[in-house]
Amino acid sequence: MPAPVLELMVVIDVICPWCYVGKRRLEKALALLESDTLLRVSWLPFELNPDMPKEGIERREYRIRKFGSWERSLQLDAQLAEVGVKEGLTFRYDLQTRTPNTFNAHRLIRTAGDGVAQTDLVEALFRAYFTQGRDIGNPETLADIAAECGMNRAAALAFLGTDELAELVRQYEDAAHQAGITGVPAFIANRRPVLVGAHPPEAIAAALKDAMSLAPAN
């Protein structure tokens, strides 16, 4: 009998700390599942700051604008760092100097296609920004990260110098908004939104089990 297929789309922004936490919790959730369901994961774009200048903004300035004071920003950073430790993640906000525009990062993710290669690139982008403090809005930095994931650096840099796949990214983002998604991470199973937020692994696993019960046969 053919195994059921679960198409799992995860809507993220690569500068969203809760998306990084959500990715790790999703991995733990998948380990809790006992099923022969074939799982296909893809990562879809959602810019938290669609009006961000192409070159980004100095992080301290951005955070004061968003939260009212640098002290409040530091409090939130400390809280996220504690959450990260529990998930095995290291948030090095002290290394971050700029809040980047993530549109090109999302275009680059699209070039990796779906599957393991795309997931590896998403992980590398999260790690570069949150753990290494790199400017993932800079094309040279993005090309370096692509190369670290086994992609051709020169080809990645050339791609980033074009508008290729820009319209596709915008279409995905428009579709997310039309589906009522206003925050990330958001989990869409077989094209039906099932969960929004970095929920505990058990909650994610339960939502996926429900979706699996409705999954079509392969």
Protein backbone atom coordinates (compact mmCIF):
# COMPACT_ATOMS: atom_id res chain seq x y z
CA MET A 1 0.00 0.00 0.00
CA PRO A 2 1.47 3.40 -0.96
CA ALA A 3 2.70 5.53 1.94
CA PRO A 4 0.90 8.83 2.60
CA VAL A 5 2.78 12.01 1.73
CA LEU A 6 2.98 15.09 3.92
CA GLU A 7 4.10 18.27 2.18
CA LEU A 8 5.28 20.51 5.01
CA MET A 9 5.96 24.14 4.17
CA VAL A 10 7.56 26.27 6.89
CA VAL A 11 7.21 30.02 6.45
CA ILE A 12 10.16 31.90 7.98
CA ASP A 13 12.41 34.90 7.97
CA VAL A 14 16.10 34.18 8.50
CA ILE A 15 16.49 37.06 10.99
CA CYS A 16 13.62 35.81 13.14
CA PRO A 17 15.03 34.19 16.30
CA TRP A 18 11.78 32.34 16.96
CA CYS A 19 12.06 30.82 13.48
CA TYR A 20 15.48 29.43 14.42
CA VAL A 21 14.00 28.09 17.66
CA GLY A 22 11.02 26.76 15.70
CA LYS A 23 13.32 24.94 13.28
CA ARG A 24 15.07 23.16 16.12
CA ARG A 25 11.77 22.29 17.78
CA LEU A 26 10.45 20.98 14.47
CA GLU A 27 13.45 18.66 14.25
CA LYS A 28 12.65 17.36 17.73
CA ALA A 29 8.98 17.01 16.78
CA LEU A 30 9.85 14.93 13.73
CA ALA A 31 11.90 12.62 15.95
CA LEU A 32 8.76 12.01 18.03
CA LEU A 33 6.72 10.84 15.06
CA GLU A 34 6.36 7.15 14.39
CA SER A 35 4.96 6.93 10.93
CA ASP A 36 5.68 5.64 7.47
CA THR A 37 4.46 8.95 6.04
CA LEU A 38 6.82 10.44 3.48
CA LEU A 39 7.72 13.94 4.67
CA ARG A 40 8.81 16.68 2.27
CA VAL A 41 9.91 19.95 3.88
CA SER A 42 10.34 23.28 2.13
CA TRP A 43 11.12 26.74 3.52
CA LEU A 44 9.09 29.71 2.32
CA PRO A 45 9.83 33.44 2.60
CA PHE A 46 8.26 36.01 4.88
CA GLU A 47 10.09 39.31 5.33
CA LEU A 48 9.52 40.77 8.78
CA ASN A 49 10.88 44.06 7.48
CA PRO A 50 9.81 44.32 3.82
CA ASP A 51 10.62 48.05 3.78
CA MET A 52 14.15 47.58 5.10
CA PRO A 53 16.75 49.50 3.05
CA LYS A 54 18.74 47.21 0.78
CA GLU A 55 21.91 47.83 2.80
CA GLY A 56 20.12 47.21 6.11
CA ILE A 57 20.17 49.39 9.23
CA GLU A 58 22.59 49.68 12.12
CA ARG A 59 21.17 47.23 14.65
CA ARG A 60 21.16 49.48 17.70
CA GLU A 61 19.22 52.15 15.76
CA TYR A 62 16.73 49.57 14.48
CA ARG A 63 16.12 48.02 17.89
CA ILE A 64 15.61 51.37 19.61
CA ARG A 65 13.07 52.31 16.92
CA LYS A 66 11.26 48.99 17.35
CA PHE A 67 11.31 48.60 21.15
CA GLY A 68 11.68 52.16 22.41
CA SER A 69 15.02 51.80 24.15
CA TRP A 70 18.30 49.92 23.93
CA GLU A 71 17.77 48.63 27.47
CA ARG A 72 14.52 46.96 26.44
CA SER A 73 16.28 45.44 23.43
CA LEU A 74 19.00 44.00 25.66
CA GLN A 75 16.36 42.47 27.95
CA LEU A 76 14.67 40.76 25.01
CA ASP A 77 18.01 39.55 23.65
CA ALA A 78 18.83 38.00 27.03
CA GLN A 79 15.48 36.24 27.16
CA LEU A 80 15.97 34.79 23.68
CA ALA A 81 19.50 33.71 24.56
CA GLU A 82 18.08 31.69 27.48
CA VAL A 83 15.52 30.05 25.21
CA GLY A 84 18.29 29.29 22.73
CA VAL A 85 20.42 27.54 25.32
CA LYS A 86 17.54 25.17 26.10
CA GLU A 87 17.30 24.31 22.40
CA GLY A 88 21.05 23.91 21.91
CA LEU A 89 21.36 27.22 20.06
CA THR A 90 23.81 30.05 20.64
CA PHE A 91 22.53 33.57 20.10
CA ARG A 92 25.45 36.03 19.87
CA TYR A 93 23.68 39.35 19.72
CA ASP A 94 26.91 41.01 20.82
CA LEU A 95 28.40 40.15 17.42
CA GLN A 96 25.56 41.65 15.39
CA THR A 97 26.08 45.16 14.11
CA ARG A 98 23.41 45.44 11.41
CA THR A 99 19.83 44.34 10.88
CA PRO A 100 19.87 43.21 7.25
CA ASN A 101 17.44 43.21 4.39
CA THR A 102 16.65 39.51 3.88
CA PHE A 103 15.15 39.56 0.39
CA ASN A 104 18.31 38.29 -1.32
CA ALA A 105 18.70 35.58 1.31
CA HIS A 106 15.21 34.36 0.45
CA ARG A 107 16.05 34.43 -3.26
CA LEU A 108 19.14 32.36 -2.54
CA ILE A 109 17.09 29.82 -0.59
CA ARG A 110 14.90 29.37 -3.65
CA THR A 111 17.94 28.42 -5.76
CA ALA A 112 18.61 25.49 -3.45
CA GLY A 113 15.31 23.90 -4.45
CA ASP A 114 13.45 21.81 -1.89
CA GLY A 115 14.73 19.07 0.34
CA VAL A 116 17.98 18.59 2.25
CA ALA A 117 20.02 21.15 0.32
CA GLN A 118 17.51 23.89 1.04
CA THR A 119 17.25 22.91 4.71
CA ASP A 120 21.03 22.96 5.04
CA LEU A 121 21.19 26.46 3.53
CA VAL A 122 18.47 27.74 5.86
CA GLU A 123 20.39 26.33 8.84
CA ALA A 124 23.60 27.96 7.60
CA LEU A 125 21.89 31.34 7.22
CA PHE A 126 20.44 31.14 10.73
CA ARG A 127 23.82 30.15 12.16
CA ALA A 128 25.65 32.88 10.23
CA TYR A 129 23.36 35.59 11.53
CA PHE A 130 22.60 34.49 15.08
CA THR A 131 25.79 32.70 16.10
CA GLN A 132 28.48 34.30 13.95
CA GLY A 133 27.06 37.82 13.66
CA ARG A 134 27.53 37.96 9.89
CA ASP A 135 25.67 40.41 7.65
CA ILE A 136 23.40 38.12 5.64
CA GLY A 137 22.16 41.08 3.62
CA ASN A 138 25.61 41.44 2.02
CA PRO A 139 25.88 39.60 -1.34
CA GLU A 140 29.52 38.64 -0.70
CA THR A 141 28.57 37.13 2.65
CA LEU A 142 25.63 35.28 1.11
CA ALA A 143 27.91 33.89 -1.61
CA ASP A 144 30.34 32.71 1.07
CA ILE A 145 27.52 30.95 2.93
CA ALA A 146 26.33 29.34 -0.31
CA ALA A 147 29.84 28.04 -0.92
CA GLU A 148 30.00 26.64 2.62
CA CYS A 149 26.89 24.64 1.72
CA GLY A 150 28.50 23.18 -1.38
CA MET A 151 27.09 25.64 -3.90
CA ASN A 152 29.23 27.39 -6.50
CA ARG A 153 30.29 30.71 -4.99
CA ALA A 154 30.82 32.54 -8.28
CA ALA A 155 27.45 31.37 -9.60
CA ALA A 156 25.73 32.40 -6.36
CA LEU A 157 27.31 35.85 -6.44
CA ALA A 158 26.36 36.32 -10.08
CA PHE A 159 22.79 35.26 -9.30
CA LEU A 160 22.59 37.76 -6.43
CA GLY A 161 23.52 40.51 -8.87
CA THR A 162 20.33 39.85 -10.87
CA ASP A 163 16.60 40.03 -10.13
CA GLU A 164 16.13 36.34 -10.88
CA LEU A 165 13.46 34.66 -8.70
CA ALA A 166 12.53 38.01 -7.14
CA GLU A 167 8.99 37.75 -8.45
CA LEU A 168 8.69 34.19 -7.14
CA VAL A 169 9.69 35.33 -3.64
CA ARG A 170 7.09 38.10 -3.80
CA GLN A 171 4.44 35.62 -4.94
CA TYR A 172 5.19 33.32 -1.99
CA GLU A 173 5.02 36.26 0.40
CA ASP A 174 1.73 37.47 -1.10
CA ALA A 175 0.31 33.96 -0.79
CA ALA A 176 1.29 33.84 2.89
CA HIS A 177 -0.47 37.13 3.58
CA GLN A 178 -3.55 36.02 1.64
CA ALA A 179 -3.62 32.85 3.75
CA GLY A 180 -3.85 35.05 6.84
CA ILE A 181 -0.31 34.48 8.04
CA THR A 182 0.89 37.51 9.99
CA GLY A 183 3.69 35.95 12.02
CA VAL A 184 6.39 33.32 11.71
CA PRO A 185 7.28 30.54 11.93
CA ALA A 186 4.12 29.21 10.32
CA PHE A 187 3.61 25.56 9.43
CA ILE A 188 1.52 24.59 6.41
CA ALA A 189 0.74 20.92 5.90
CA ASN A 190 -0.58 19.82 2.52
CA ARG A 191 -1.35 23.49 1.77
CA ARG A 192 -3.39 23.97 4.95
CA PRO A 193 -2.05 26.22 7.75
CA VAL A 194 -1.85 24.07 10.88
CA LEU A 195 0.29 26.00 13.37
CA VAL A 196 1.87 29.42 13.90
CA GLY A 197 4.69 30.03 16.35
CA ALA A 198 7.65 28.18 17.86
CA HIS A 199 5.53 25.75 19.86
CA PRO A 200 7.02 22.93 21.96
CA PRO A 201 8.01 19.83 19.98
CA GLU A 202 5.09 17.85 21.39
CA ALA A 203 2.57 20.41 20.08
CA ILE A 204 4.20 20.47 16.67
CA ALA A 205 4.26 16.67 16.54
CA ALA A 206 0.55 16.51 17.47
CA ALA A 207 -0.36 19.00 14.73
CA LEU A 208 1.65 17.04 12.19
CA LYS A 209 0.03 13.76 13.28
CA ASP A 210 -3.37 15.28 12.65
CA ALA A 211 -2.24 16.46 9.23
CA MET A 212 -0.79 13.05 8.46
CA SER A 213 -4.15 11.41 9.10
CA LEU A 214 -5.45 13.42 6.15
CA ALA A 215 -2.36 13.04 3.98
CA PRO A 216 -2.98 11.64 0.49
CA ALA A 217 -1.36 8.40 -0.59
CA ASN A 218 1.81 8.71 -2.66
